[in-house]
Amino acid sequence: MKKQKRPRLAAGTSKDSPRVRLNYKAQGSTLNEFHTRDEFVRGLIGPLGSGKTFAAINEILMRIHNQVPDRHNVRDSRWVIARNSYPDLLSATIPDFRSITDNIPFSRFKMGNVISWDVEYARNDGTTVKGHVEFKSFDGEQDVKKARGLQLTGIWVDELAEFGKPNWDMLIGRVGRYPQRDMNPNARHDCLFTSNACPRDHWLAQLALQNTPVNWWIGIQPPGLTRVGNRWVENARAENINNLPDGYYLRQVGGKKESWIRQNLGNEFVHHSDGRPIHPDFNEQYHVADLEPLPAIPLYLGMDWGRTPAAVIAQQQPNGQWFVLKEIVLDNAGADKLGRTVKRVLNAEYSGYTISAATGDPSGTAQSQTKDETPIDIFTEYSGVQALPAHTNDFELRVAALDNLLTQIIEGQPAIMIDRSCQTLIGGLSGAYQFRRVQVTGSERFHDQPDKGPSSHVTESLHYLLMGAGEGDKLFTVEWDSEWEDMGRLQDAIFE
């Protein structure tokens, strides 16, 4: 049987012809705001099943329907829907799009070298709607050329966290070039994106959490699950929950890594990988807050050296609680630049505070082959702060010093809190600072030394700070006293 072509509705068609109607209602306040904002770039970051994909599809259809008519009374739009890979485009994005658009009259989906969807129909106000959508994959930075030459009204990038920033930047630059200004100077143009949460050091997380550009709006949806004590519970504020099966989020918890749950179901900006977090007791919702230093209480510094040096500034409160107030993370720099940066920060943000101790990686006492000065000497000279090496670089001891604080409660609060501005440190504690997995089949095995990276240097700076403040000594003293107490009991038993 010959396949019939879909009918096309031209301008002037009778009002009795089939109507185009979208059966859609935003299921949550963030989704609703996404549809009502006017920024040039609008995005949704949410957990699995939060309705962000269907929100984006329906937003495109509404933008096509409501495009400003040109001087010929045509509402003309040209869009690109993009994904990071062709298989993901075919298996996920396109089926979701077609689940809605295949039911729209006067539209046609076409597979081929160019995958596209076209729609044309008349509105009752006498205008004609014409929409053209193309589907493209951008598998790597080499595909940036696919965006060159495009003349677009709008774009939607599905799963932007998996998308290369050069490709995103190029696509944005192609929006606003259709319809041409002389044809429709008042036409509306939009850049949309949807994504799951990503690590805090990802470029998207930085835009969402710290440096959102002008004329951008990024909606961060409520989590599907929240942590209560040692268990996950469904969040009553989760969006799109009415369209999900009962227990949708909880039944996904079994057999998953904590970092996977936090990122994909809890909508947290954490690092997820096959590695094992070195500080698994860190919980961003629990250990992170907006902090202010108390006046007249000394500060502590911790430093790590190398070509990616780092430093942290902290303060111990009168009740013994630690506030980590500031991180300094540099790239391709030495101890001299770290020292100058620390000096500038102390003068600008902590004027009048004294430094109780500045403690660095003990390797900073080693002289280079070309200079007699050590990194600690150089840092002291340029910062004006007398730096000393930690009394030990024992990895297990300094990790235990921080772990001990992460699991303690002081007056109902965590024994250590991290200021929200310390994004690299938060990322490291959330899992980027990890034991890398050994690639073997059949079992989970991990290297016994941490995987080095930007987050490792700032996290180890915190280790050294705590060691210099005596937190490592507390652990050692408890062990030592316990050992001698047991020995004393043994001697008493012998001589009775």
Protein backbone atom coordinates (compact mmCIF):
# COMPACT_ATOMS: atom_id res chain seq x y z
CA MET A 1 0.00 0.00 0.00
CA LYS A 2 1.38 3.36 -0.99
CA LYS A 3 2.17 5.57 2.00
CA GLN A 4 0.08 8.70 2.04
CA LYS A 5 1.76 12.05 2.48
CA ARG A 6 0.81 14.17 5.43
CA PRO A 7 -1.45 17.04 4.43
CA ARG A 8 0.03 20.54 4.48
CA LEU A 9 -1.99 23.50 5.65
CA ALA A 10 -1.36 26.65 3.66
CA ALA A 11 -2.18 30.22 4.53
CA GLY A 12 -5.86 31.02 4.18
CA THR A 13 -7.06 27.50 4.94
CA SER A 14 -10.47 27.35 6.55
CA LYS A 15 -10.73 27.66 10.30
CA ASP A 16 -12.59 24.34 10.22
CA SER A 17 -9.33 22.51 9.38
CA PRO A 18 -7.63 20.38 12.10
CA ARG A 19 -6.15 22.50 14.89
CA VAL A 20 -2.66 22.26 16.34
CA ARG A 21 -2.91 21.76 20.09
CA LEU A 22 -0.19 20.86 22.61
CA ASN A 23 -1.34 18.75 25.54
CA TYR A 24 1.34 19.95 27.93
CA LYS A 25 1.51 21.52 31.38
CA ALA A 26 4.74 22.26 33.24
CA GLN A 27 5.04 19.97 36.28
CA GLY A 28 7.00 22.18 38.65
CA SER A 29 7.91 25.77 39.42
CA THR A 30 11.36 25.59 37.80
CA LEU A 31 9.89 24.11 34.62
CA ASN A 32 7.20 26.79 34.60
CA GLU A 33 9.76 29.55 35.01
CA PHE A 34 11.78 28.09 32.13
CA HIS A 35 8.81 28.77 29.84
CA THR A 36 8.17 32.29 31.11
CA ARG A 37 11.71 33.74 31.08
CA ASP A 38 12.91 36.01 28.26
CA GLU A 39 16.68 35.56 28.44
CA PHE A 40 18.50 34.71 25.21
CA VAL A 41 19.98 31.56 26.80
CA ARG A 42 17.78 29.44 29.06
CA GLY A 43 18.70 26.13 30.57
CA LEU A 44 17.48 23.42 32.92
CA ILE A 45 19.72 21.28 35.12
CA GLY A 46 17.87 18.51 36.90
CA PRO A 47 17.85 14.87 37.99
CA LEU A 48 16.75 11.98 35.81
CA GLY A 49 13.03 12.00 35.07
CA SER A 50 12.53 15.65 36.02
CA GLY A 51 10.70 16.59 32.79
CA LYS A 52 13.39 18.85 31.38
CA THR A 53 13.55 17.11 27.96
CA PHE A 54 9.84 17.41 27.28
CA ALA A 55 9.88 20.98 28.57
CA ALA A 56 12.52 21.85 25.96
CA ILE A 57 10.63 20.13 23.13
CA ASN A 58 7.38 21.86 23.98
CA GLU A 59 9.17 25.18 24.34
CA ILE A 60 10.52 24.83 20.79
CA LEU A 61 7.04 24.07 19.45
CA MET A 62 5.59 27.05 21.31
CA ARG A 63 8.34 29.33 20.03
CA ILE A 64 7.68 28.16 16.45
CA HIS A 65 3.94 28.72 16.91
CA ASN A 66 4.37 32.17 18.45
CA GLN A 67 7.19 33.52 16.28
CA VAL A 68 6.66 37.16 15.37
CA PRO A 69 5.16 37.30 11.85
CA ASP A 70 7.16 38.94 9.09
CA ARG A 71 5.81 41.47 6.60
CA HIS A 72 4.24 38.63 4.61
CA ASN A 73 2.41 37.38 7.73
CA VAL A 74 4.62 34.27 7.94
CA ARG A 75 5.90 33.05 11.31
CA ASP A 76 9.11 31.49 10.04
CA SER A 77 11.63 29.63 12.25
CA ARG A 78 14.66 27.42 11.73
CA TRP A 79 16.06 25.37 14.64
CA VAL A 80 18.84 22.88 15.35
CA ILE A 81 18.54 20.20 18.04
CA ALA A 82 21.98 18.89 18.99
CA ARG A 83 23.45 16.08 21.06
CA ASN A 84 27.01 15.09 21.86
CA SER A 85 26.92 11.85 19.83
CA TYR A 86 25.01 10.41 16.90
CA PRO A 87 23.96 7.21 18.75
CA ASP A 88 22.52 9.28 21.63
CA LEU A 89 20.74 11.50 19.13
CA LEU A 90 19.11 8.47 17.46
CA SER A 91 18.33 6.46 20.61
CA ALA A 92 17.13 9.19 22.98
CA THR A 93 16.64 12.74 21.69
CA ILE A 94 14.87 11.99 18.40
CA PRO A 95 12.45 9.39 19.88
CA ASP A 96 11.49 11.87 22.60
CA PHE A 97 10.90 14.57 20.00
CA ARG A 98 8.85 12.28 17.77
CA SER A 99 6.71 11.06 20.67
CA ILE A 100 5.18 14.54 20.59
CA THR A 101 5.53 15.75 17.00
CA ASP A 102 4.32 12.62 15.19
CA ASN A 103 0.84 13.53 16.40
CA ILE A 104 0.96 17.05 14.98
CA PRO A 105 -0.92 17.48 11.68
CA PHE A 106 0.76 19.11 8.70
CA SER A 107 4.23 18.05 9.80
CA ARG A 108 6.73 15.59 8.39
CA PHE A 109 9.80 13.91 9.87
CA LYS A 110 12.49 12.90 7.39
CA MET A 111 15.52 10.61 7.82
CA GLY A 112 18.51 10.90 5.51
CA ASN A 113 21.88 12.58 5.33
CA VAL A 114 20.12 15.47 7.04
CA ILE A 115 17.57 14.44 9.68
CA SER A 116 14.82 17.05 9.82
CA TRP A 117 11.26 17.87 10.79
CA ASP A 118 9.05 20.39 9.01
CA VAL A 119 5.69 21.84 9.89
CA GLU A 120 3.43 24.34 8.15
CA TYR A 121 -0.08 25.42 9.08
CA ALA A 122 -2.33 28.47 9.25
CA ARG A 123 -3.41 30.22 12.40
CA ASN A 124 -6.85 31.73 12.86
CA ASP A 125 -5.32 35.21 12.86
CA GLY A 126 -4.43 34.86 9.18
CA THR A 127 -0.73 34.18 9.69
CA THR A 128 1.11 31.08 8.53
CA VAL A 129 3.46 29.10 10.78
CA LYS A 130 6.50 27.53 9.13
CA GLY A 131 9.01 25.59 11.20
CA HIS A 132 12.13 23.67 10.18
CA VAL A 133 14.17 21.62 12.68
CA GLU A 134 17.43 19.77 11.96
CA PHE A 135 19.09 17.20 14.22
CA LYS A 136 22.89 17.20 14.47
CA SER A 137 25.50 15.43 16.57
CA PHE A 138 28.74 17.01 17.72
CA ASP A 139 30.97 14.13 18.78
CA GLY A 140 34.06 16.26 19.48
CA GLU A 141 35.72 19.60 18.95
CA GLN A 142 36.53 18.55 15.40
CA ASP A 143 32.80 18.79 14.66
CA VAL A 144 32.70 22.52 15.30
CA LYS A 145 32.69 22.90 11.51
CA LYS A 146 29.15 21.47 11.45
CA ALA A 147 27.92 24.70 12.98
CA ARG A 148 29.66 27.01 10.54
CA GLY A 149 27.33 28.51 7.97
CA LEU A 150 24.13 27.66 9.84
CA GLN A 151 21.48 30.39 9.81
CA LEU A 152 19.27 29.75 12.85
CA THR A 153 16.36 31.06 14.86
CA GLY A 154 17.14 28.83 17.82
CA ILE A 155 19.00 25.82 19.20
CA TRP A 156 18.44 23.21 21.86
CA VAL A 157 21.40 21.18 23.13
CA ASP A 158 20.31 18.04 24.94
CA GLU A 159 22.66 16.99 27.79
CA LEU A 160 24.91 20.03 27.56
CA ALA A 161 27.30 18.71 30.25
CA GLU A 162 28.42 16.08 27.71
CA PHE A 163 28.80 18.69 24.98
CA GLY A 164 32.09 20.40 24.09
CA LYS A 165 32.16 24.09 24.95
CA PRO A 166 33.72 25.11 21.57
CA ASN A 167 30.75 23.48 19.81
CA TRP A 168 28.28 25.20 22.15
CA ASP A 169 29.98 28.57 21.63
CA MET A 170 29.89 28.18 17.85
CA LEU A 171 26.22 27.14 17.86
CA ILE A 172 25.23 30.16 19.94
CA GLY A 173 26.95 32.35 17.36
CA ARG A 174 24.69 31.01 14.60
CA VAL A 175 21.47 31.94 16.42
CA GLY A 176 19.86 35.22 15.39
CA ARG A 177 20.73 34.92 11.71
CA TYR A 178 17.33 33.65 10.61
CA PRO A 179 14.95 35.13 9.61
CA GLN A 180 17.11 37.85 8.11
CA ARG A 181 16.73 41.19 9.80
CA ASP A 182 15.35 42.95 6.71
CA MET A 183 12.60 40.31 6.49
CA ASN A 184 11.65 40.26 10.17
CA PRO A 185 13.50 42.74 12.42
CA ASN A 186 11.38 41.76 15.45
CA ALA A 187 11.85 37.98 15.23
CA ARG A 188 12.55 36.15 18.50
CA HIS A 189 15.67 33.99 18.94
CA ASP A 190 16.42 31.43 21.67
CA CYS A 191 19.22 29.17 22.90
CA LEU A 192 17.97 26.31 25.07
CA PHE A 193 19.81 23.55 26.89
CA THR A 194 19.04 20.73 29.29
CA SER A 195 21.45 18.69 31.37
CA ASN A 196 22.01 16.50 34.37
CA ALA A 197 24.30 17.88 37.08
CA CYS A 198 28.04 17.72 36.45
CA PRO A 199 31.25 18.06 38.51
CA ARG A 200 31.86 21.48 40.04
CA ASP A 201 34.98 22.06 37.95
CA HIS A 202 33.02 21.52 34.71
CA TRP A 203 32.57 24.65 32.61
CA LEU A 204 28.78 24.35 32.81
CA ALA A 205 28.81 24.11 36.61
CA GLN A 206 30.95 27.23 36.81
CA LEU A 207 28.45 29.13 34.65
CA ALA A 208 25.49 27.81 36.64
CA LEU A 209 26.87 28.32 40.14
CA GLN A 210 29.30 31.22 39.97
CA ASN A 211 29.56 33.23 36.76
CA THR A 212 26.20 33.15 35.00
CA PRO A 213 26.54 35.46 31.97
CA VAL A 214 24.27 38.43 31.37
CA ASN A 215 21.08 37.48 29.50
CA TRP A 216 21.31 33.85 30.66
CA TRP A 217 18.91 32.02 32.95
CA ILE A 218 19.78 28.58 34.38
CA GLY A 219 17.12 26.79 36.40
CA ILE A 220 18.41 24.18 38.86
CA GLN A 221 15.56 21.80 39.64
CA PRO A 222 14.93 20.26 43.08
CA PRO A 223 16.54 16.84 43.65
CA GLY A 224 14.59 13.63 43.21
CA LEU A 225 16.15 12.25 46.40
CA THR A 226 17.52 13.92 49.51
CA ARG A 227 19.76 12.55 52.23
CA VAL A 228 18.27 12.10 55.70
CA GLY A 229 20.83 10.67 58.09
CA ASN A 230 22.30 7.58 56.45
CA ARG A 231 19.49 6.97 53.96
CA TRP A 232 18.01 8.46 50.82
CA VAL A 233 14.37 9.55 50.79
CA GLU A 234 12.16 10.87 48.00
CA ASN A 235 11.96 14.63 47.84
CA ALA A 236 8.42 15.98 48.12
CA ARG A 237 9.50 19.01 46.05
CA ALA A 238 10.72 16.95 43.09
CA GLU A 239 9.31 18.12 39.75
CA ASN A 240 7.41 16.02 37.20
CA ILE A 241 6.75 13.43 39.91
CA ASN A 242 3.13 12.98 38.75
CA ASN A 243 4.40 11.56 35.43
CA LEU A 244 6.74 9.03 37.06
CA PRO A 245 6.00 5.54 38.43
CA ASP A 246 5.68 5.19 42.19
CA GLY A 247 9.11 4.80 43.79
CA TYR A 248 10.88 5.89 40.58
CA TYR A 249 13.86 7.43 42.37
CA LEU A 250 14.26 5.08 45.32
CA ARG A 251 14.33 1.95 43.19
CA GLN A 252 17.35 3.30 41.30
CA VAL A 253 19.49 3.53 44.43
CA GLY A 254 20.33 -0.18 44.75
CA GLY A 255 23.81 -1.14 43.60
CA LYS A 256 24.80 2.45 42.67
CA LYS A 257 27.80 4.40 43.84
CA GLU A 258 27.05 7.25 46.22
CA SER A 259 28.49 9.77 43.75
CA TRP A 260 26.22 8.46 40.96
CA ILE A 261 23.15 8.81 43.19
CA ARG A 262 24.10 12.31 44.27
CA GLN A 263 24.73 13.48 40.70
CA ASN A 264 21.91 11.80 38.78
CA LEU A 265 19.15 11.57 41.40
CA GLY A 266 20.18 14.18 43.97
CA ASN A 267 21.07 16.80 41.31
CA GLU A 268 24.31 17.63 43.12
CA PHE A 269 27.33 19.05 41.30
CA VAL A 270 29.69 16.29 42.34
CA HIS A 271 32.39 14.27 40.64
CA HIS A 272 31.34 10.76 39.64
CA SER A 273 33.76 8.20 38.30
CA ASP A 274 34.80 4.59 38.75
CA GLY A 275 37.32 5.67 41.37
CA ARG A 276 36.89 5.49 45.15
CA PRO A 277 36.56 8.82 46.98
CA ILE A 278 39.30 9.38 49.53
CA HIS A 279 36.90 11.25 51.83
CA PRO A 280 33.58 9.39 51.44
CA ASP A 281 32.07 10.96 54.57
CA PHE A 282 31.95 14.43 53.00
CA ASN A 283 28.38 15.51 52.21
CA GLU A 284 27.96 18.77 50.33
CA GLN A 285 24.47 19.42 51.70
CA TYR A 286 25.81 18.99 55.23
CA HIS A 287 29.38 20.33 55.18
CA VAL A 288 29.02 23.38 52.88
CA ALA A 289 27.63 26.78 53.88
CA ASP A 290 28.22 30.52 53.49
CA LEU A 291 30.80 31.29 56.18
CA GLU A 292 32.20 34.44 57.74
CA PRO A 293 35.36 34.62 59.87
CA LEU A 294 34.98 35.66 63.48
CA PRO A 295 36.97 38.77 64.40
CA ALA A 296 40.08 38.60 66.58
CA ILE A 297 40.54 34.85 66.07
CA PRO A 298 43.76 33.77 64.29
CA LEU A 299 43.81 32.14 60.87
CA TYR A 300 45.56 28.98 59.71
CA LEU A 301 47.11 28.38 56.29
CA GLY A 302 47.87 25.15 54.46
CA MET A 303 49.91 24.90 51.24
CA ASP A 304 50.83 22.36 48.59
CA TRP A 305 53.66 23.01 46.14
CA GLY A 306 54.55 22.00 42.58
CA ARG A 307 53.55 23.67 39.30
CA THR A 308 49.87 23.60 40.31
CA PRO A 309 50.23 24.99 43.83
CA ALA A 310 47.32 25.61 46.15
CA ALA A 311 46.52 27.08 49.54
CA VAL A 312 43.59 27.14 51.94
CA ILE A 313 42.74 29.58 54.71
CA ALA A 314 40.78 28.38 57.74
CA GLN A 315 39.81 29.46 61.23
CA GLN A 316 39.11 27.38 64.31
CA GLN A 317 36.10 28.65 66.23
CA PRO A 318 36.08 28.94 70.06
CA ASN A 319 34.06 25.70 70.30
CA GLY A 320 36.66 23.79 68.27
CA GLN A 321 34.71 23.80 64.99
CA TRP A 322 36.71 24.50 61.81
CA PHE A 323 35.64 27.01 59.13
CA VAL A 324 37.49 26.62 55.80
CA LEU A 325 37.07 30.13 54.44
CA LYS A 326 39.10 30.44 51.26
CA GLU A 327 40.90 28.41 48.61
CA ILE A 328 43.65 29.59 46.26
CA VAL A 329 44.28 27.34 43.25
CA LEU A 330 46.91 28.25 40.65
CA ASP A 331 48.03 26.64 37.42
CA ASN A 332 51.55 26.62 35.96
CA ALA A 333 52.91 28.70 38.82
CA GLY A 334 55.57 28.45 41.50
CA ALA A 335 55.88 29.12 45.20
CA ASP A 336 56.66 32.79 44.47
CA LYS A 337 53.34 33.40 42.71
CA LEU A 338 51.49 31.44 45.39
CA GLY A 339 53.12 33.60 48.04
CA ARG A 340 52.20 36.85 46.26
CA THR A 341 48.62 35.66 45.78
CA VAL A 342 48.24 34.66 49.43
CA LYS A 343 49.64 38.04 50.53
CA ARG A 344 47.18 39.88 48.29
CA VAL A 345 44.21 37.86 49.59
CA LEU A 346 45.22 38.32 53.24
CA ASN A 347 45.60 42.07 52.80
CA ALA A 348 42.35 42.45 50.87
CA GLU A 349 40.04 40.09 52.78
CA TYR A 350 41.63 39.38 56.17
CA SER A 351 43.33 42.61 57.14
CA GLY A 352 43.98 42.72 60.86
CA TYR A 353 43.92 38.95 61.38
CA THR A 354 46.99 37.18 62.73
CA ILE A 355 48.31 33.88 61.36
CA SER A 356 48.57 31.14 63.95
CA ALA A 357 50.36 28.67 61.66
CA ALA A 358 51.19 28.27 57.97
CA THR A 359 51.97 24.65 57.20
CA GLY A 360 53.04 23.16 53.88
CA ASP A 361 53.91 19.90 52.22
CA PRO A 362 57.21 18.69 53.76
CA SER A 363 58.58 18.19 50.25
CA GLY A 364 58.82 21.99 50.17
CA THR A 365 62.02 21.78 52.21
CA ALA A 366 63.91 20.25 49.28
CA GLN A 367 66.25 22.50 47.34
CA SER A 368 66.15 22.51 43.54
CA GLN A 369 69.21 21.69 41.44
CA THR A 370 69.50 25.31 40.28
CA LYS A 371 68.62 27.27 43.47
CA ASP A 372 69.55 27.05 47.12
CA GLU A 373 66.10 28.30 48.15
CA THR A 374 63.33 25.83 48.90
CA PRO A 375 59.62 26.33 48.02
CA ILE A 376 58.95 27.06 51.72
CA ASP A 377 61.69 29.72 51.74
CA ILE A 378 60.30 31.30 48.57
CA PHE A 379 56.72 31.27 49.82
CA THR A 380 57.79 32.86 53.12
CA GLU A 381 59.68 35.61 51.29
CA TYR A 382 56.83 36.56 48.94
CA SER A 383 53.89 36.09 51.30
CA GLY A 384 55.40 37.64 54.39
CA VAL A 385 54.11 34.66 56.38
CA GLN A 386 56.56 32.27 58.05
CA ALA A 387 55.79 28.85 56.58
CA LEU A 388 56.84 25.56 58.15
CA PRO A 389 56.69 21.99 56.87
CA ALA A 390 54.19 19.54 58.32
CA HIS A 391 55.92 17.25 60.80
CA THR A 392 54.97 14.24 58.67
CA ASN A 393 53.74 13.48 55.20
CA ASP A 394 52.17 10.20 56.23
CA PHE A 395 49.21 9.85 53.86
CA GLU A 396 47.04 7.73 56.15
CA LEU A 397 47.55 10.06 59.10
CA ARG A 398 46.64 13.29 57.29
CA VAL A 399 43.63 11.68 55.61
CA ALA A 400 42.48 10.41 59.01
CA ALA A 401 42.85 13.90 60.49
CA LEU A 402 40.29 15.27 58.03
CA ASP A 403 38.05 12.18 58.12
CA ASN A 404 37.86 12.45 61.90
CA LEU A 405 36.45 15.98 61.61
CA LEU A 406 34.03 15.05 58.81
CA THR A 407 32.34 12.53 61.09
CA GLN A 408 32.26 14.66 64.27
CA ILE A 409 29.44 16.87 65.56
CA ILE A 410 30.09 19.97 67.68
CA GLU A 411 27.06 21.62 69.25
CA GLY A 412 24.78 20.16 66.59
CA GLN A 413 26.98 21.26 63.69
CA PRO A 414 29.66 19.46 61.63
CA ALA A 415 33.13 19.77 63.14
CA ILE A 416 34.37 21.15 59.83
CA MET A 417 32.51 23.39 57.38
CA ILE A 418 33.60 24.50 53.89
CA ASP A 419 32.66 27.89 52.49
CA ARG A 420 30.61 27.71 49.32
CA SER A 421 33.23 29.68 47.39
CA CYS A 422 35.78 26.82 47.68
CA GLN A 423 34.55 25.11 44.53
CA THR A 424 37.69 23.09 43.72
CA LEU A 425 38.00 21.84 47.29
CA ILE A 426 34.31 20.90 47.37
CA GLY A 427 34.79 19.03 44.09
CA GLY A 428 37.79 17.17 45.50
CA LEU A 429 36.00 16.19 48.69
CA SER A 430 32.96 15.15 46.64
CA GLY A 431 34.99 12.54 44.77
CA ALA A 432 37.39 14.15 42.29
CA TYR A 433 40.15 13.46 44.84
CA GLN A 434 40.08 9.68 44.61
CA PHE A 435 41.85 6.37 44.42
CA ARG A 436 41.89 5.49 40.75
CA ARG A 437 40.35 2.14 39.81
CA VAL A 438 42.63 -0.65 38.61
CA GLN A 439 41.35 -1.95 35.27
CA VAL A 440 40.76 -5.62 36.09
CA THR A 441 37.82 -7.86 35.32
CA GLY A 442 35.58 -9.36 37.97
CA SER A 443 36.36 -7.27 41.04
CA GLU A 444 36.76 -3.69 42.22
CA ARG A 445 40.39 -2.88 42.99
CA PHE A 446 41.96 0.52 43.44
CA HIS A 447 45.41 2.06 43.52
CA ASP A 448 46.73 2.84 47.00
CA GLN A 449 47.78 6.39 46.14
CA PRO A 450 45.49 9.26 45.12
CA ASP A 451 44.92 10.27 41.53
CA LYS A 452 46.68 13.65 41.21
CA GLY A 453 44.85 16.63 39.74
CA PRO A 454 43.78 20.22 40.57
CA SER A 455 41.47 19.05 43.34
CA SER A 456 44.16 16.89 44.93
CA HIS A 457 46.49 19.85 45.58
CA VAL A 458 43.92 21.99 47.34
CA THR A 459 42.58 19.03 49.34
CA GLU A 460 46.08 18.12 50.49
CA SER A 461 46.62 21.77 51.42
CA LEU A 462 43.77 21.28 53.89
CA HIS A 463 45.49 18.13 55.15
CA TYR A 464 48.67 20.08 55.90
CA LEU A 465 46.72 22.91 57.53
CA LEU A 466 45.08 20.47 59.94
CA MET A 467 48.38 18.77 60.65
CA GLY A 468 49.96 22.12 61.47
CA ALA A 469 47.06 22.93 63.78
CA GLY A 470 47.60 19.71 65.72
CA GLU A 471 44.62 17.68 64.46
CA GLY A 472 46.92 14.84 63.46
CA ASP A 473 48.55 14.90 66.89
CA LYS A 474 45.16 14.37 68.53
CA LEU A 475 44.74 11.09 66.68
CA PHE A 476 48.26 10.02 67.57
CA THR A 477 47.81 10.94 71.23
CA VAL A 478 44.62 8.92 71.54
CA GLU A 479 46.32 5.88 70.03
CA TRP A 480 49.43 6.33 72.21
CA ASP A 481 47.50 6.79 75.47
CA SER A 482 45.34 3.79 74.72
CA GLU A 483 48.39 1.65 74.02
CA TRP A 484 50.11 2.62 77.27
CA GLU A 485 46.90 2.22 79.25
CA ASP A 486 46.61 -1.35 77.97
CA MET A 487 50.29 -1.95 78.76
CA GLY A 488 49.75 -0.67 82.30
CA ARG A 489 46.85 -3.08 82.83
CA LEU A 490 49.02 -5.92 81.55
CA GLN A 491 51.86 -5.05 83.96
CA ASP A 492 49.40 -4.79 86.87
CA ALA A 493 48.13 -8.27 86.05
CA ILE A 494 51.66 -9.69 85.92
CA PHE A 495 52.78 -8.24 89.26
CA GLU A 496 49.62 -8.99 91.24
